[in-house]
PDB file of N, CA and C in Angstrom:
ATOM      1  N   MET A   1       0.772  -1.179   0.022  1.00  0.00           N
ATOM      2  CA  MET A   1      -0.044   0.077   0.011  1.00  0.00           C
ATOM      3  C   MET A   1       0.838   1.237   0.061  1.00  0.00           C
ATOM      4  N   TYR A   2       1.907   1.228   0.778  1.00  0.00           N
ATOM      5  CA  TYR A   2       2.983   2.369   0.966  1.00  0.00           C
ATOM      6  C   TYR A   2       3.415   2.622  -0.414  1.00  0.00           C
ATOM      7  N   ARG A   3       4.010   1.683  -1.147  1.00  0.00           N
ATOM      8  CA  ARG A   3       4.413   1.752  -2.435  1.00  0.00           C
ATOM      9  C   ARG A   3       3.374   2.516  -3.389  1.00  0.00           C
ATOM     10  N   ASN A   4       2.107   2.030  -3.320  1.00  0.00           N
ATOM     11  CA  ASN A   4       1.183   2.635  -4.219  1.00  0.00           C
ATOM     12  C   ASN A   4       1.041   4.098  -4.025  1.00  0.00           C
ATOM     13  N   GLN A   5       1.103   4.548  -2.703  1.00  0.00           N
ATOM     14  CA  GLN A   5       0.942   5.787  -2.258  1.00  0.00           C
ATOM     15  C   GLN A   5       2.138   6.694  -2.888  1.00  0.00           C
ATOM     16  N   ILE A   6       3.413   6.156  -2.734  1.00  0.00           N
ATOM     17  CA  ILE A   6       4.592   6.798  -3.262  1.00  0.00           C
ATOM     18  C   ILE A   6       4.445   7.042  -4.649  1.00  0.00           C
ATOM     19  N   GLU A   7       3.917   5.821  -5.510  1.00  0.00           N
ATOM     20  CA  GLU A   7       3.738   6.122  -6.766  1.00  0.00           C
ATOM     21  C   GLU A   7       2.759   7.126  -7.223  1.00  0.00           C
ATOM     22  N   GLU A   8       1.632   7.142  -6.533  1.00  0.00           N
ATOM     23  CA  GLU A   8       0.682   8.099  -6.823  1.00  0.00           C
ATOM     24  C   GLU A   8       1.113   9.502  -6.639  1.00  0.00           C
ATOM     25  N   CYS A   9       1.846   9.607  -5.571  1.00  0.00           N
ATOM     26  CA  CYS A   9       2.496  11.068  -5.246  1.00  0.00           C
ATOM     27  C   CYS A   9       3.365  11.587  -6.473  1.00  0.00           C
ATOM     28  N   ALA A  10       4.186  10.463  -6.744  1.00  0.00           N
ATOM     29  CA  ALA A  10       5.224  10.768  -7.996  1.00  0.00           C
ATOM     30  C   ALA A  10       4.308  11.012  -9.283  1.00  0.00           C
ATOM     31  N   ASP A  11       3.432  10.310  -9.480  1.00  0.00           N
ATOM     32  CA  ASP A  11       2.617  10.463 -10.792  1.00  0.00           C
ATOM     33  C   ASP A  11       1.945  11.920 -10.632  1.00  0.00           C
ATOM     34  N   ALA A  12       1.434  12.325  -9.473  1.00  0.00           N
ATOM     35  CA  ALA A  12       0.765  13.602  -9.470  1.00  0.00           C
ATOM     36  C   ALA A  12       1.487  14.662  -9.626  1.00  0.00           C
ATOM     37  N   GLY A  13       2.851  14.662  -9.220  1.00  0.00           N
ATOM     38  CA  GLY A  13       3.717  15.901  -9.294  1.00  0.00           C
ATOM     39  C   GLY A  13       3.723  16.599 -10.557  1.00  0.00           C
ATOM     40  N   PRO A  14       4.060  16.043 -11.721  1.00  0.00           N
ATOM     41  CA  PRO A  14       3.959  16.829 -13.062  1.00  0.00           C
ATOM     42  C   PRO A  14       2.686  17.351 -13.459  1.00  0.00           C
ATOM     43  N   GLU A  15       1.493  16.556 -13.110  1.00  0.00           N
ATOM     44  CA  GLU A  15       0.248  17.124 -13.400  1.00  0.00           C
ATOM     45  C   GLU A  15       0.076  18.403 -12.494  1.00  0.00           C
ATOM     46  N   LEU A  16       0.369  18.530 -11.269  1.00  0.00           N
ATOM     47  CA  LEU A  16       0.193  19.419 -10.469  1.00  0.00           C
ATOM     48  C   LEU A  16       0.921  20.630 -10.893  1.00  0.00           C
ATOM     49  N   LEU A  17       2.262  20.362 -11.197  1.00  0.00           N
ATOM     50  CA  LEU A  17       3.098  21.545 -11.727  1.00  0.00           C
ATOM     51  C   LEU A  17       2.681  22.156 -12.985  1.00  0.00           C
ATOM     52  N   ALA A  18       2.105  21.408 -13.816  1.00  0.00           N
ATOM     53  CA  ALA A  18       1.564  21.809 -15.240  1.00  0.00           C
ATOM     54  C   ALA A  18       0.323  22.683 -15.027  1.00  0.00           C
ATOM     55  N   GLY A  19      -0.471  22.469 -14.014  1.00  0.00           N
ATOM     56  CA  GLY A  19      -1.737  23.183 -13.812  1.00  0.00           C
ATOM     57  C   GLY A  19      -1.806  24.284 -12.776  1.00  0.00           C
ATOM     58  N   ALA A  20      -0.605  24.564 -12.186  1.00  0.00           N
ATOM     59  CA  ALA A  20      -0.546  25.555 -11.204  1.00  0.00           C
ATOM     60  C   ALA A  20       0.272  26.919 -11.389  1.00  0.00           C
ATOM     61  N   GLU A  21       0.006  27.755 -10.810  1.00  0.00           N
ATOM     62  CA  GLU A  21       0.978  28.904 -10.973  1.00  0.00           C
ATOM     63  C   GLU A  21       2.310  28.722 -10.291  1.00  0.00           C
ATOM     64  N   SER A  22       2.379  28.115  -9.144  1.00  0.00           N
ATOM     65  CA  SER A  22       3.580  27.877  -8.398  1.00  0.00           C
ATOM     66  C   SER A  22       3.536  26.411  -7.803  1.00  0.00           C
ATOM     67  N   PRO A  23       4.633  25.799  -7.694  1.00  0.00           N
ATOM     68  CA  PRO A  23       4.768  24.471  -6.921  1.00  0.00           C
ATOM     69  C   PRO A  23       4.124  24.473  -5.676  1.00  0.00           C
ATOM     70  N   PHE A  24       4.357  25.555  -4.983  1.00  0.00           N
ATOM     71  CA  PHE A  24       3.969  25.539  -3.497  1.00  0.00           C
ATOM     72  C   PHE A  24       2.280  25.592  -3.637  1.00  0.00           C
ATOM     73  N   VAL A  25       1.708  26.458  -4.399  1.00  0.00           N
ATOM     74  CA  VAL A  25       0.220  26.556  -4.415  1.00  0.00           C
ATOM     75  C   VAL A  25      -0.309  25.102  -5.063  1.00  0.00           C
ATOM     76  N   ALA A  26       0.345  24.428  -5.918  1.00  0.00           N
ATOM     77  CA  ALA A  26      -0.164  23.270  -6.373  1.00  0.00           C
ATOM     78  C   ALA A  26      -0.151  22.260  -5.236  1.00  0.00           C
ATOM     79  N   LEU A  27       0.993  22.031  -4.506  1.00  0.00           N
ATOM     80  CA  LEU A  27       1.010  21.063  -3.343  1.00  0.00           C
ATOM     81  C   LEU A  27      -0.132  21.480  -2.265  1.00  0.00           C
ATOM     82  N   HIS A  28       0.063  22.716  -1.926  1.00  0.00           N
ATOM     83  CA  HIS A  28      -1.030  23.137  -0.942  1.00  0.00           C
ATOM     84  C   HIS A  28      -2.688  22.782  -1.134  1.00  0.00           C
ATOM     85  N   GLY A  29      -2.785  23.178  -2.655  1.00  0.00           N
ATOM     86  CA  GLY A  29      -4.044  22.989  -3.022  1.00  0.00           C
ATOM     87  C   GLY A  29      -4.300  21.495  -2.974  1.00  0.00           C
ATOM     88  N   TYR A  30      -3.501  20.524  -3.324  1.00  0.00           N
ATOM     89  CA  TYR A  30      -3.709  19.149  -3.683  1.00  0.00           C
ATOM     90  C   TYR A  30      -4.044  18.594  -2.045  1.00  0.00           C
ATOM     91  N   PHE A  31      -3.165  19.073  -1.268  1.00  0.00           N
ATOM     92  CA  PHE A  31      -3.561  18.505   0.104  1.00  0.00           C
ATOM     93  C   PHE A  31      -4.703  19.027   0.781  1.00  0.00           C
ATOM     94  N   LEU A  32      -5.252  20.105   0.201  1.00  0.00           N
ATOM     95  CA  LEU A  32      -6.703  20.483   0.861  1.00  0.00           C
ATOM     96  C   LEU A  32      -7.779  20.002  -0.088  1.00  0.00           C
ATOM     97  N   ASP A  33      -7.701  19.993  -1.330  1.00  0.00           N
ATOM     98  CA  ASP A  33      -8.800  19.549  -2.409  1.00  0.00           C
ATOM     99  C   ASP A  33      -8.974  18.021  -2.276  1.00  0.00           C
ATOM    100  N   ARG A  34      -8.071  17.366  -1.908  1.00  0.00           N
ATOM    101  CA  ARG A  34      -8.262  15.884  -1.841  1.00  0.00           C
ATOM    102  C   ARG A  34      -8.957  15.390  -0.429  1.00  0.00           C
ATOM    103  N   PRO A  35      -8.282  15.841   0.639  1.00  0.00           N
ATOM    104  CA  PRO A  35      -8.991  15.165   1.895  1.00  0.00           C
ATOM    105  C   PRO A  35     -10.200  16.065   2.606  1.00  0.00           C
ATOM    106  N   LEU A  36     -10.273  17.273   2.225  1.00  0.00           N
ATOM    107  CA  LEU A  36     -11.253  18.025   2.815  1.00  0.00           C
ATOM    108  C   LEU A  36     -12.818  17.545   2.514  1.00  0.00           C
ATOM    109  N   PRO A  37     -13.038  17.098   1.275  1.00  0.00           N
ATOM    110  CA  PRO A  37     -14.490  16.707   0.968  1.00  0.00           C
ATOM    111  C   PRO A  37     -14.779  15.275   1.773  1.00  0.00           C
ATOM    112  N   VAL A  38     -13.617  14.479   1.805  1.00  0.00           N
ATOM    113  CA  VAL A  38     -13.953  13.219   2.442  1.00  0.00           C
ATOM    114  C   VAL A  38     -14.049  13.520   4.172  1.00  0.00           C
ATOM    115  N   CYS A  39     -13.335  14.420   4.600  1.00  0.00           N
ATOM    116  CA  CYS A  39     -13.415  14.764   5.997  1.00  0.00           C
ATOM    117  C   CYS A  39     -14.706  15.350   6.300  1.00  0.00           C
ATOM    118  N   GLY A  40     -15.394  16.255   5.244  1.00  0.00           N
ATOM    119  CA  GLY A  40     -16.698  16.821   5.292  1.00  0.00           C
ATOM    120  C   GLY A  40     -17.721  15.780   5.472  1.00  0.00           C
ATOM    121  N   ARG A  41     -17.540  14.612   4.544  1.00  0.00           N
ATOM    122  CA  ARG A  41     -18.584  13.734   4.467  1.00  0.00           C
ATOM    123  C   ARG A  41     -18.653  12.864   5.718  1.00  0.00           C
ATOM    124  N   LEU A  42     -17.359  12.630   6.311  1.00  0.00           N
ATOM    125  CA  LEU A  42     -17.288  11.831   7.601  1.00  0.00           C
ATOM    126  C   LEU A  42     -17.910  12.658   8.738  1.00  0.00           C
ATOM    127  N   LEU A  43     -17.410  14.015   8.795  1.00  0.00           N
ATOM    128  CA  LEU A  43     -18.206  14.748   9.830  1.00  0.00           C
ATOM    129  C   LEU A  43     -19.624  14.832   9.585  1.00  0.00           C
ATOM    130  N   ASP A  44     -20.068  15.070   8.642  1.00  0.00           N
ATOM    131  CA  ASP A  44     -21.759  14.938   8.406  1.00  0.00           C
ATOM    132  C   ASP A  44     -22.284  13.713   8.836  1.00  0.00           C
ATOM    133  N   ALA A  45     -21.707  12.590   8.520  1.00  0.00           N
ATOM    134  CA  ALA A  45     -22.174  11.198   8.794  1.00  0.00           C
ATOM    135  C   ALA A  45     -22.128  11.180  10.524  1.00  0.00           C
ATOM    136  N   ALA A  46     -21.127  11.647  10.954  1.00  0.00           N
ATOM    137  CA  ALA A  46     -21.090  11.625  12.505  1.00  0.00           C
ATOM    138  C   ALA A  46     -22.092  12.617  13.151  1.00  0.00           C
ATOM    139  N   VAL A  47     -22.445  13.536  12.526  1.00  0.00           N
ATOM    140  CA  VAL A  47     -23.360  14.450  13.084  1.00  0.00           C
ATOM    141  C   VAL A  47     -24.721  13.759  12.856  1.00  0.00           C
ATOM    142  N   ASP A  48     -25.040  13.361  11.613  1.00  0.00           N
ATOM    143  CA  ASP A  48     -26.284  12.585  11.426  1.00  0.00           C
ATOM    144  C   ASP A  48     -26.476  11.304  12.333  1.00  0.00           C
ATOM    145  N   ALA A  49     -25.433  10.850  12.792  1.00  0.00           N
ATOM    146  CA  ALA A  49     -25.566   9.658  13.634  1.00  0.00           C
ATOM    147  C   ALA A  49     -25.654  10.091  15.105  1.00  0.00           C
ATOM    148  N   GLY A  50     -25.608  11.371  15.366  1.00  0.00           N
ATOM    149  CA  GLY A  50     -25.545  11.908  16.680  1.00  0.00           C
ATOM    150  C   GLY A  50     -24.347  11.639  17.507  1.00  0.00           C
ATOM    151  N   GLU A  51     -23.302  11.450  16.798  1.00  0.00           N
ATOM    152  CA  GLU A  51     -22.136  11.177  17.532  1.00  0.00           C
ATOM    153  C   GLU A  51     -21.351  12.417  17.859  1.00  0.00           C
ATOM    154  N   VAL A  52     -21.371  13.329  16.941  1.00  0.00           N
ATOM    155  CA  VAL A  52     -20.618  14.678  17.348  1.00  0.00           C
ATOM    156  C   VAL A  52     -21.547  15.963  17.131  1.00  0.00           C
ATOM    157  N   ARG A  53     -21.169  16.998  17.484  1.00  0.00           N
ATOM    158  CA  ARG A  53     -21.989  18.135  17.516  1.00  0.00           C
ATOM    159  C   ARG A  53     -21.690  18.786  16.152  1.00  0.00           C
ATOM    160  N   ALA A  54     -22.849  19.484  15.714  1.00  0.00           N
ATOM    161  CA  ALA A  54     -22.941  20.101  14.358  1.00  0.00           C
ATOM    162  C   ALA A  54     -21.993  21.281  14.349  1.00  0.00           C
ATOM    163  N   GLY A  55     -21.583  21.843  13.344  1.00  0.00           N
ATOM    164  CA  GLY A  55     -20.905  23.046  13.134  1.00  0.00           C
ATOM    165  C   GLY A  55     -19.311  23.079  12.965  1.00  0.00           C
ATOM    166  N   THR A  56     -18.596  21.915  13.197  1.00  0.00           N
ATOM    167  CA  THR A  56     -17.276  21.876  12.958  1.00  0.00           C
ATOM    168  C   THR A  56     -17.000  21.768  11.391  1.00  0.00           C
ATOM    169  N   ARG A  57     -16.263  22.769  11.030  1.00  0.00           N
ATOM    170  CA  ARG A  57     -15.653  22.551   9.513  1.00  0.00           C
ATOM    171  C   ARG A  57     -14.681  21.723   9.192  1.00  0.00           C
ATOM    172  N   PRO A  58     -14.588  21.025   8.219  1.00  0.00           N
ATOM    173  CA  PRO A  58     -13.604  20.127   8.025  1.00  0.00           C
ATOM    174  C   PRO A  58     -12.189  20.897   8.043  1.00  0.00           C
ATOM    175  N   TYR A  59     -12.066  21.933   7.592  1.00  0.00           N
ATOM    176  CA  TYR A  59     -10.724  22.628   7.459  1.00  0.00           C
ATOM    177  C   TYR A  59     -10.265  22.696   8.915  1.00  0.00           C
ATOM    178  N   GLU A  60     -11.161  23.311   9.656  1.00  0.00           N
ATOM    179  CA  GLU A  60     -10.826  23.408  11.172  1.00  0.00           C
ATOM    180  C   GLU A  60     -10.345  22.194  11.855  1.00  0.00           C
ATOM    181  N   LEU A  61     -11.072  21.215  11.658  1.00  0.00           N
ATOM    182  CA  LEU A  61     -10.639  19.778  12.258  1.00  0.00           C
ATOM    183  C   LEU A  61      -9.280  19.420  11.803  1.00  0.00           C
ATOM    184  N   MET A  62      -9.012  19.429  10.359  1.00  0.00           N
ATOM    185  CA  MET A  62      -7.936  19.049   9.889  1.00  0.00           C
ATOM    186  C   MET A  62      -6.707  19.888  10.241  1.00  0.00           C
ATOM    187  N   ARG A  63      -6.993  21.095  10.187  1.00  0.00           N
ATOM    188  CA  ARG A  63      -5.827  22.178  10.830  1.00  0.00           C
ATOM    189  C   ARG A  63      -5.533  21.777  12.249  1.00  0.00           C
ATOM    190  N   GLY A  64      -6.597  21.608  13.028  1.00  0.00           N
ATOM    191  CA  GLY A  64      -6.447  21.431  14.403  1.00  0.00           C
ATOM    192  C   GLY A  64      -5.465  20.219  14.647  1.00  0.00           C
ATOM    193  N   ILE A  65      -5.829  19.097  13.954  1.00  0.00           N
ATOM    194  CA  ILE A  65      -4.935  17.887  14.108  1.00  0.00           C
ATOM    195  C   ILE A  65      -3.603  18.156  13.493  1.00  0.00           C
ATOM    196  N   GLY A  66      -3.545  18.759  12.352  1.00  0.00           N
ATOM    197  CA  GLY A  66      -2.072  19.098  11.847  1.00  0.00           C
ATOM    198  C   GLY A  66      -1.304  19.833  12.792  1.00  0.00           C
ATOM    199  N   ASN A  67      -1.941  20.807  13.428  1.00  0.00           N
ATOM    200  CA  ASN A  67      -1.055  21.622  14.344  1.00  0.00           C
ATOM    201  C   ASN A  67      -0.713  20.960  15.606  1.00  0.00           C
ATOM    202  N   LEU A  68      -1.687  19.857  16.157  1.00  0.00           N
ATOM    203  CA  LEU A  68      -1.187  19.199  17.260  1.00  0.00           C
ATOM    204  C   LEU A  68      -0.264  18.197  16.941  1.00  0.00           C
ATOM    205  N   CYS A  69       0.080  17.734  15.822  1.00  0.00           N
ATOM    206  CA  CYS A  69       0.921  16.777  15.318  1.00  0.00           C
ATOM    207  C   CYS A  69       2.309  17.452  15.320  1.00  0.00           C
ATOM    208  N   ILE A  70       2.443  18.831  15.254  1.00  0.00           N
ATOM    209  CA  ILE A  70       3.758  19.508  15.240  1.00  0.00           C
ATOM    210  C   ILE A  70       4.280  19.667  16.603  1.00  0.00           C
ATOM    211  N   GLY A  71       4.825  18.671  17.146  1.00  0.00           N
ATOM    212  CA  GLY A  71       5.442  18.749  18.543  1.00  0.00           C
ATOM    213  C   GLY A  71       6.826  18.875  18.584  1.00  0.00           C
ATOM    214  N   GLY A  72       7.571  18.939  17.540  1.00  0.00           N
ATOM    215  CA  GLY A  72       8.944  19.090  17.561  1.00  0.00           C
ATOM    216  C   GLY A  72       9.475  17.813  18.142  1.00  0.00           C
ATOM    217  N   GLY A  73      10.738  17.947  18.708  1.00  0.00           N
ATOM    218  CA  GLY A  73      11.523  16.924  19.237  1.00  0.00           C
ATOM    219  C   GLY A  73      11.343  16.573  20.573  1.00  0.00           C
ATOM    220  N   ASP A  74      10.210  17.224  21.388  1.00  0.00           N
ATOM    221  CA  ASP A  74      10.051  16.955  22.738  1.00  0.00           C
ATOM    222  C   ASP A  74       9.502  15.618  23.092  1.00  0.00           C
ATOM    223  N   PRO A  75      10.240  14.964  23.875  1.00  0.00           N
ATOM    224  CA  PRO A  75       9.875  13.497  24.042  1.00  0.00           C
ATOM    225  C   PRO A  75       8.672  13.335  24.988  1.00  0.00           C
ATOM    226  N   GLN A  76       8.383  14.567  25.495  1.00  0.00           N
ATOM    227  CA  GLN A  76       7.184  14.461  26.579  1.00  0.00           C
ATOM    228  C   GLN A  76       5.902  14.763  25.770  1.00  0.00           C
ATOM    229  N   TYR A  77       6.123  15.247  24.515  1.00  0.00           N
ATOM    230  CA  TYR A  77       4.758  15.692  23.777  1.00  0.00           C
ATOM    231  C   TYR A  77       4.261  14.554  23.362  1.00  0.00           C
ATOM    232  N   GLU A  78       3.015  14.452  23.498  1.00  0.00           N
ATOM    233  CA  GLU A  78       2.032  13.207  23.115  1.00  0.00           C
ATOM    234  C   GLU A  78       1.017  13.630  22.019  1.00  0.00           C
ATOM    235  N   PRO A  79       1.261  13.914  20.656  1.00  0.00           N
ATOM    236  CA  PRO A  79       0.292  14.368  19.855  1.00  0.00           C
ATOM    237  C   PRO A  79      -1.003  13.633  19.741  1.00  0.00           C
ATOM    238  N   ARG A  80      -0.880  12.186  20.042  1.00  0.00           N
ATOM    239  CA  ARG A  80      -2.101  11.389  20.038  1.00  0.00           C
ATOM    240  C   ARG A  80      -3.131  11.633  21.185  1.00  0.00           C
ATOM    241  N   ARG A  81      -2.372  11.887  22.183  1.00  0.00           N
ATOM    242  CA  ARG A  81      -3.310  12.125  23.404  1.00  0.00           C
ATOM    243  C   ARG A  81      -3.991  13.654  23.152  1.00  0.00           C
ATOM    244  N   LEU A  82      -3.278  14.673  22.615  1.00  0.00           N
ATOM    245  CA  LEU A  82      -3.993  15.863  22.438  1.00  0.00           C
ATOM    246  C   LEU A  82      -5.068  15.718  21.238  1.00  0.00           C
ATOM    247  N   ILE A  83      -4.733  14.842  20.200  1.00  0.00           N
ATOM    248  CA  ILE A  83      -5.761  14.550  19.250  1.00  0.00           C
ATOM    249  C   ILE A  83      -7.037  13.805  19.820  1.00  0.00           C
ATOM    250  N   GLU A  84      -6.744  13.001  20.706  1.00  0.00           N
ATOM    251  CA  GLU A  84      -7.894  12.354  21.449  1.00  0.00           C
ATOM    252  C   GLU A  84      -8.743  13.332  22.146  1.00  0.00           C
ATOM    253  N   LEU A  85      -8.107  14.295  22.710  1.00  0.00           N
ATOM    254  CA  LEU A  85      -8.879  15.315  23.527  1.00  0.00           C
ATOM    255  C   LEU A  85      -9.612  16.144  22.564  1.00  0.00           C
ATOM    256  N   LEU A  86      -9.058  16.513  21.441  1.00  0.00           N
ATOM    257  CA  LEU A  86      -9.817  17.230  20.474  1.00  0.00           C
ATOM    258  C   LEU A  86     -10.907  16.593  19.964  1.00  0.00           C
ATOM    259  N   LEU A  87     -10.862  15.300  19.463  1.00  0.00           N
ATOM    260  CA  LEU A  87     -11.874  14.656  19.043  1.00  0.00           C
ATOM    261  C   LEU A  87     -12.951  14.409  20.170  1.00  0.00           C
ATOM    262  N   CYS A  88     -12.623  14.198  21.448  1.00  0.00           N
ATOM    263  CA  CYS A  88     -13.546  14.047  22.430  1.00  0.00           C
ATOM    264  C   CYS A  88     -14.382  15.207  22.764  1.00  0.00           C
ATOM    265  N   GLY A  89     -13.792  16.524  22.379  1.00  0.00           N
ATOM    266  CA  GLY A  89     -14.497  17.685  22.528  1.00  0.00           C
ATOM    267  C   GLY A  89     -15.559  17.882  21.450  1.00  0.00           C
ATOM    268  N   LEU A  90     -15.427  17.206  20.385  1.00  0.00           N
ATOM    269  CA  LEU A  90     -16.541  17.259  19.434  1.00  0.00           C
ATOM    270  C   LEU A  90     -17.762  16.440  19.693  1.00  0.00           C
ATOM    271  N   ARG A  91     -17.511  15.549  20.503  1.00  0.00           N
ATOM    272  CA  ARG A  91     -18.634  14.562  20.823  1.00  0.00           C
ATOM    273  C   ARG A  91     -19.790  15.247  21.563  1.00  0.00           C
ATOM    274  N   HIS A  92     -20.888  14.792  21.503  1.00  0.00           N
ATOM    275  CA  HIS A  92     -21.991  15.167  22.259  1.00  0.00           C
ATOM    276  C   HIS A  92     -21.946  14.610  23.577  1.00  0.00           C
ATOM    277  N   SER A  93     -22.133  15.578  24.532  1.00  0.00           N
ATOM    278  CA  SER A  93     -22.105  14.992  26.129  1.00  0.00           C
ATOM    279  C   SER A  93     -23.353  14.149  26.186  1.00  0.00           C
ATOM    280  N   ARG A  94     -23.106  12.965  26.910  1.00  0.00           N
ATOM    281  CA  ARG A  94     -24.229  12.029  27.082  1.00  0.00           C
ATOM    282  C   ARG A  94     -24.920  12.336  28.275  1.00  0.00           C
ATOM    283  N   PRO A  95     -26.252  12.321  28.471  1.00  0.00           N
ATOM    284  CA  PRO A  95     -26.826  12.404  29.621  1.00  0.00           C
ATOM    285  C   PRO A  95     -26.771  11.318  30.552  1.00  0.00           C
ATOM    286  N   GLU A  96     -26.672  11.561  31.742  1.00  0.00           N
ATOM    287  CA  GLU A  96     -26.528  10.295  32.812  1.00  0.00           C
ATOM    288  C   GLU A  96     -27.663  10.136  33.316  1.00  0.00           C
TER     289      GLU A  96
END
């Protein structure tokens, strides 16, 4: 699977460069255009199922997770724990 992902990235490079004003814009656009709609559908499904609160935008969620993953080299930094806290914050509180 990893090999296929590498091949897809390599194949996408020339196409992205040909259709964009700059390489940075092409890369940034690709990373937003591809996963954002999927994230949006997953959020919508979770809202419809009553699992999470409505109102979270896909870009906000992805940006939040991405920012939490930038921990530097601090061995005490646990991004998975912070992501878990972020995702728990999206959930509806359950009545007791």
